[in-house]
Protein backbone atom coordinates (compact mmCIF):
# COMPACT_ATOMS: atom_id res chain seq x y z
CA MET A 1 295.92 44.70 -150.81
CA ARG A 2 293.40 44.16 -153.60
CA GLY A 3 291.91 47.44 -154.83
CA PHE A 4 288.25 48.39 -154.67
CA ALA A 5 288.45 52.01 -155.90
CA ILE A 6 285.08 53.46 -156.90
CA TYR A 7 286.07 57.03 -157.75
CA VAL A 8 288.94 58.92 -159.26
CA VAL A 9 288.93 61.72 -156.72
CA MET A 10 290.59 64.91 -157.89
CA THR A 11 291.83 66.51 -154.69
CA SER A 12 293.89 69.65 -154.59
CA MET A 13 296.53 70.44 -152.02
CA THR A 14 294.41 73.36 -150.80
CA PHE A 15 293.59 73.09 -147.11
CA THR A 16 289.91 72.10 -147.09
CA THR A 17 287.76 71.43 -144.06
CA ARG A 18 284.07 71.25 -143.26
CA PHE A 19 281.37 71.62 -140.66
CA ALA A 20 278.70 68.95 -141.05
CA PRO A 21 275.69 69.36 -138.73
CA SER A 22 272.54 67.25 -138.75
CA PRO A 23 269.26 69.22 -138.73
CA THR A 24 267.76 67.21 -135.87
CA GLY A 25 267.58 70.10 -133.41
CA TYR A 26 268.73 73.67 -132.90
CA LEU A 27 272.45 74.42 -132.73
CA HIS A 28 274.01 75.20 -129.34
CA LYS A 29 277.34 76.59 -128.10
CA GLY A 30 279.11 73.29 -128.73
CA HIS A 31 278.17 73.44 -132.38
CA ALA A 32 279.26 77.07 -132.56
CA PHE A 33 282.65 76.20 -131.08
CA SER A 34 283.21 73.36 -133.55
CA ALA A 35 282.05 75.39 -136.56
CA LEU A 36 284.24 78.36 -135.59
CA THR A 37 287.22 76.07 -134.97
CA ALA A 38 286.97 74.68 -138.51
CA PHE A 39 286.18 78.06 -140.10
CA GLU A 40 289.08 79.85 -138.46
CA ALA A 41 291.46 77.00 -139.31
CA ALA A 42 290.54 77.28 -142.98
CA ARG A 43 290.91 81.05 -142.90
CA ALA A 44 294.31 80.81 -141.21
CA GLU A 45 295.52 78.49 -143.97
CA GLY A 46 293.95 80.49 -146.79
CA GLY A 47 291.90 77.39 -147.51
CA ARG A 48 288.34 76.27 -148.13
CA PHE A 49 285.51 75.96 -145.61
CA ILE A 50 282.61 73.71 -146.59
CA LEU A 51 279.21 73.41 -144.97
CA ARG A 52 277.58 70.01 -145.39
CA ILE A 53 274.10 69.13 -144.14
CA GLU A 54 273.98 65.51 -142.94
CA ASP A 55 270.24 64.90 -143.29
CA ILE A 56 269.96 61.25 -144.30
CA ASP A 57 268.02 60.25 -141.17
CA ALA A 58 264.54 61.15 -142.40
CA THR A 59 263.04 59.94 -139.11
CA ARG A 60 264.66 62.81 -137.18
CA VAL A 61 265.46 65.73 -139.49
CA ARG A 62 263.11 68.70 -139.69
CA PRO A 63 263.00 71.57 -142.25
CA GLU A 64 262.81 74.16 -139.49
CA TYR A 65 266.10 72.94 -138.01
CA ASP A 66 267.75 73.08 -141.43
CA ALA A 67 266.70 76.69 -141.95
CA ALA A 68 267.65 77.63 -138.38
CA LEU A 69 271.19 76.26 -138.57
CA LEU A 70 271.90 78.32 -141.68
CA GLU A 71 270.59 81.41 -139.91
CA ASP A 72 272.64 80.68 -136.79
CA LEU A 73 275.88 80.14 -138.69
CA ARG A 74 275.43 83.35 -140.68
CA TRP A 75 274.75 85.20 -137.42
CA LEU A 76 278.07 83.88 -136.11
CA GLY A 77 279.77 85.45 -139.13
CA LEU A 78 280.57 82.26 -141.04
CA SER A 79 280.51 81.96 -144.81
CA TRP A 80 280.92 78.88 -146.97
CA GLU A 81 281.05 77.63 -150.51
CA GLU A 82 277.83 77.19 -152.44
CA PRO A 83 275.97 75.04 -153.17
CA VAL A 84 275.72 73.35 -149.80
CA ARG A 85 275.85 69.58 -150.10
CA ARG A 86 272.81 67.93 -148.54
CA GLN A 87 273.27 64.21 -148.12
CA SER A 88 269.62 63.46 -148.82
CA ARG A 89 270.15 64.64 -152.41
CA HIS A 90 273.11 62.36 -153.05
CA LEU A 91 271.89 58.94 -151.98
CA ASP A 92 273.03 57.45 -155.29
CA ASP A 93 276.66 58.19 -154.35
CA TYR A 94 276.34 56.21 -151.12
CA GLN A 95 274.45 53.36 -152.76
CA ALA A 96 277.19 53.13 -155.38
CA ALA A 97 279.80 52.77 -152.64
CA LEU A 98 277.68 50.18 -150.83
CA GLY A 99 277.24 48.33 -154.11
CA ARG A 100 280.99 48.09 -154.63
CA LEU A 101 281.49 46.76 -151.14
CA ARG A 102 278.69 44.29 -151.69
CA ASP A 103 280.09 43.14 -155.05
CA ALA A 104 283.48 42.62 -153.39
CA GLY A 105 281.93 40.43 -150.68
CA LEU A 106 282.78 42.90 -147.92
CA VAL A 107 279.28 43.33 -146.48
CA TYR A 108 276.54 40.90 -145.53
CA ARG A 109 272.84 40.98 -144.73
CA CYS A 110 272.13 40.87 -141.00
CA PHE A 111 268.55 39.94 -140.08
CA ARG A 112 269.05 40.09 -136.31
CA THR A 113 266.85 42.37 -134.26
CA ARG A 114 268.37 44.85 -131.82
CA LYS A 115 267.67 42.46 -128.96
CA GLU A 116 269.28 39.56 -130.81
CA VAL A 117 272.37 41.65 -131.49
CA LEU A 118 272.65 42.59 -127.82
CA ASP A 119 272.25 38.95 -126.81
CA GLU A 120 274.95 37.96 -129.30
CA ILE A 121 277.49 40.48 -128.04
CA ALA A 122 276.84 39.82 -124.36
CA LEU A 123 279.95 37.62 -124.21
CA ALA A 124 282.08 39.73 -126.59
CA PRO A 125 285.10 41.75 -125.45
CA HIS A 126 284.53 45.41 -124.72
CA GLY A 127 285.32 48.01 -127.32
CA PRO A 128 283.78 51.07 -129.03
CA GLY A 129 280.85 49.03 -130.31
CA GLU A 130 277.08 49.15 -130.15
CA GLY A 131 276.40 47.22 -126.95
CA PRO A 132 275.46 48.89 -123.64
CA GLY A 133 279.02 48.34 -122.40
CA ARG A 134 280.34 49.28 -125.87
CA GLN A 135 280.84 45.63 -126.72
CA VAL A 136 281.36 44.76 -130.36
CA PHE A 137 279.30 42.56 -132.64
CA ARG A 138 280.93 40.11 -135.04
CA GLY A 139 278.65 38.14 -137.33
CA ALA A 140 278.68 36.29 -140.64
CA PRO A 141 276.49 35.85 -143.71
CA LEU A 142 273.66 33.36 -143.52
CA ASP A 143 273.59 30.22 -145.58
CA ALA A 144 272.69 31.32 -149.12
CA ALA A 145 269.48 29.31 -149.24
CA GLU A 146 268.23 30.63 -145.89
CA GLU A 147 269.17 34.18 -146.83
CA ALA A 148 267.25 33.91 -150.11
CA LEU A 149 264.15 32.67 -148.29
CA ARG A 150 264.27 35.52 -145.76
CA VAL A 151 264.81 38.14 -148.46
CA ALA A 152 261.90 36.71 -150.46
CA ALA A 153 259.74 36.86 -147.33
CA GLY A 154 260.48 40.56 -147.02
CA GLU A 155 262.21 40.32 -143.66
CA PRO A 156 264.06 43.53 -142.68
CA PHE A 157 267.83 43.47 -142.60
CA ALA A 158 270.86 45.73 -142.29
CA TRP A 159 274.02 45.65 -144.35
CA ARG A 160 276.98 45.12 -142.04
CA LEU A 161 280.65 45.49 -142.89
CA SER A 162 282.40 42.14 -142.48
CA LEU A 163 285.66 42.65 -140.59
CA ASP A 164 286.68 39.11 -141.46
CA ALA A 165 286.33 39.81 -145.18
CA ALA A 166 287.91 43.25 -144.81
CA GLY A 167 290.91 41.76 -143.03
CA GLU A 168 291.43 39.32 -145.89
CA ALA A 169 291.14 42.16 -148.40
CA LEU A 170 293.86 44.11 -146.63
CA GLY A 171 296.31 41.26 -147.12
CA GLU A 172 298.87 39.78 -144.77
CA ASP A 173 299.55 43.06 -142.95
CA GLY A 174 295.89 43.41 -141.94
CA TRP A 175 295.14 46.32 -139.62
CA ASP A 176 298.89 47.04 -139.41
CA SER A 177 298.60 48.65 -142.85
CA LEU A 178 296.06 51.25 -141.68
CA TRP A 179 297.20 54.54 -140.15
CA PHE A 180 295.84 58.06 -139.84
CA ARG A 181 297.38 61.33 -138.69
CA GLU A 182 295.91 63.15 -135.68
CA GLU A 183 296.94 66.80 -135.56
CA GLY A 184 294.74 67.64 -132.59
CA ARG A 185 294.00 65.51 -129.56
CA GLY A 186 291.80 62.50 -129.07
CA PRO A 187 289.85 61.97 -125.83
CA ALA A 188 292.87 60.26 -124.23
CA GLY A 189 295.39 62.72 -125.65
CA GLU A 190 296.06 60.71 -128.81
CA HIS A 191 298.26 62.65 -131.22
CA GLY A 192 300.47 62.03 -134.24
CA LEU A 193 300.48 58.93 -136.45
CA ILE A 194 297.94 56.46 -135.09
CA GLN A 195 297.27 52.90 -136.15
CA ALA A 196 293.63 52.32 -137.01
CA ARG A 197 291.87 49.54 -135.10
CA PRO A 198 288.55 48.93 -136.87
CA ASP A 199 288.39 45.54 -135.15
CA LEU A 200 287.49 47.39 -131.94
CA ALA A 201 284.23 48.57 -133.51
CA GLY A 202 282.99 45.21 -134.78
CA ASP A 203 280.85 44.61 -137.85
CA VAL A 204 279.25 48.05 -138.06
CA VAL A 205 275.99 48.74 -139.86
CA LEU A 206 276.54 50.57 -143.15
CA ALA A 207 272.91 50.69 -144.27
CA ARG A 208 269.47 49.86 -142.97
CA LYS A 209 265.91 50.30 -144.10
CA ASP A 210 264.78 53.14 -141.83
CA VAL A 211 267.58 55.63 -142.57
CA GLY A 212 269.19 54.17 -145.69
CA VAL A 213 272.97 54.39 -145.53
CA ALA A 214 274.59 54.97 -142.17
CA TYR A 215 276.91 57.75 -140.97
CA HIS A 216 280.25 55.99 -141.48
CA LEU A 217 279.71 55.27 -145.17
CA ALA A 218 278.09 58.59 -146.10
CA VAL A 219 280.70 60.76 -144.38
CA THR A 220 283.61 58.79 -145.84
CA VAL A 221 282.26 59.16 -149.37
CA ASP A 222 281.44 62.85 -148.89
CA ASP A 223 284.84 63.79 -147.52
CA ALA A 224 286.48 62.20 -150.55
CA LEU A 225 284.12 63.71 -153.12
CA GLN A 226 284.45 67.17 -151.58
CA GLY A 227 288.24 67.06 -151.41
CA VAL A 228 288.39 67.42 -147.62
CA THR A 229 292.04 67.44 -146.53
CA HIS A 230 291.42 68.04 -142.81
CA VAL A 231 288.55 66.70 -140.74
CA ILE A 232 288.09 69.03 -137.76
CA ARG A 233 285.53 67.86 -135.21
CA GLY A 234 284.95 67.10 -131.53
CA HIS A 235 286.92 64.31 -129.93
CA ASP A 236 283.68 62.43 -129.25
CA LEU A 237 284.01 61.33 -132.89
CA PHE A 238 287.63 60.26 -132.59
CA GLU A 239 286.78 56.55 -132.52
CA ALA A 240 284.91 56.91 -135.82
CA CYS A 241 288.32 57.34 -137.48
CA HIS A 242 289.04 53.63 -137.16
CA ILE A 243 286.14 52.40 -139.29
CA GLN A 244 286.32 55.37 -141.66
CA ARG A 245 290.01 54.68 -142.28
CA LEU A 246 289.12 51.09 -143.18
CA LEU A 247 286.40 52.20 -145.57
CA GLN A 248 288.84 54.59 -147.23
CA ALA A 249 291.22 51.70 -147.82
CA LEU A 250 288.55 49.34 -149.12
CA LEU A 251 287.05 51.93 -151.48
CA GLY A 252 290.35 53.37 -152.67
CA LEU A 253 289.62 56.82 -151.24
CA PRO A 254 292.15 59.34 -149.88
CA THR A 255 292.74 59.71 -146.15
CA PRO A 256 292.47 63.24 -144.74
CA ASP A 257 294.34 64.44 -141.70
CA TYR A 258 292.30 64.65 -138.50
CA ARG A 259 292.21 67.44 -135.94
CA HIS A 260 289.93 66.63 -133.01
CA HIS A 261 289.18 69.23 -130.36
CA GLY A 262 287.76 69.20 -126.86
CA LEU A 263 284.06 69.54 -126.09
CA LEU A 264 282.20 72.28 -124.30
CA LEU A 265 280.68 71.07 -121.05
CA GLY A 266 277.58 72.21 -119.23
CA ASP A 267 277.28 73.11 -115.55
CA ASP A 268 276.74 69.41 -114.82
CA GLY A 269 280.10 68.51 -116.36
CA GLN A 270 278.47 66.72 -119.28
CA ARG A 271 278.98 67.69 -122.89
CA LEU A 272 276.33 69.94 -124.40
CA ALA A 273 273.78 67.96 -126.38
CA LYS A 274 270.54 68.58 -128.24
CA ARG A 275 268.83 65.70 -126.46
CA ASP A 276 269.55 67.33 -123.09
CA ARG A 277 267.99 70.61 -124.27
CA ALA A 278 271.21 72.58 -124.13
CA GLU A 279 270.55 76.29 -124.57
CA SER A 280 270.32 76.93 -128.30
CA LEU A 281 272.00 79.72 -130.23
CA ARG A 282 268.55 81.08 -130.97
CA GLU A 283 267.83 81.31 -127.24
CA ILE A 284 271.23 82.91 -126.62
CA ARG A 285 270.50 85.48 -129.31
CA ALA A 286 267.06 86.15 -127.81
CA ARG A 287 268.78 87.03 -124.51
CA GLY A 288 270.48 89.90 -126.30
CA VAL A 289 273.91 88.30 -126.63
CA THR A 290 275.69 89.50 -129.76
CA ALA A 291 277.64 87.27 -132.11
CA ALA A 292 280.84 89.13 -131.21
CA GLU A 293 280.23 88.50 -127.52
CA LEU A 294 279.62 84.77 -128.07
CA ARG A 295 282.65 84.46 -130.30
CA ALA A 296 284.79 86.10 -127.63
CA GLU A 297 283.35 83.82 -124.95
CA LEU A 298 284.30 80.81 -127.07
CA GLY A 299 287.83 82.12 -127.63
CA PHE A 300 287.38 83.61 -131.09
CA GLY A 301 287.43 87.31 -130.23
């Protein structure tokens, strides 16, 4: 495979993991469980626990949520290395990575609206993509002349990762060359050495005007720069491994081990979520529940 390394990442062998919330709402029990799972894993290994604030979506983040999550995590008894990395302060790192992908011909401008994308993928096979049935989108760059005209006209666009170009960059082995290690369990019980299948996600968006760079690119760069050796998170993010593993290969970044865990469910059997107004840690604390009691309830007595 041709190399596209953008950093010389100095990683130690020290067990290093992180909790990376987005300040778009108050933390709830599900967040507490995930944070404690990562924190206790680092402590058991005599390793490092990092807190990272993923606040690149300026349309949704709020300062009061940022301050509250720090208060909640301290109340739970967690501690972390300082300074805390806030993604909004490191946009140049992500733009540098996007620039390398762009220079290598691995991304393209996509001018399609959301409706046009959904129309395009209506006949596509199902997979963990962005369509209502999780269908994937596969596109291609516009003709150079048409693209230049649309850019000059100021039309909005997103940068999408080209799976066709990425497959060529990987060489004759293609996706067969991409693997990651799962030490926990995926949503279907996945465990052990797993072949990455980024083709199931389609040409994902890596950057767009409203929120700048997207989750996949920012988190991949951050994990490498912060020397994360173990990504510990809920199994709802298991499918993200496939695209992130591809980005690691294309950018010449190390691949951490993954340890996904189950999710806490509400009385309705659905996972706890901010958008569903799950009871927040602040509300739990206001009911008189102590941190020790909550930790014990979550299995961390």
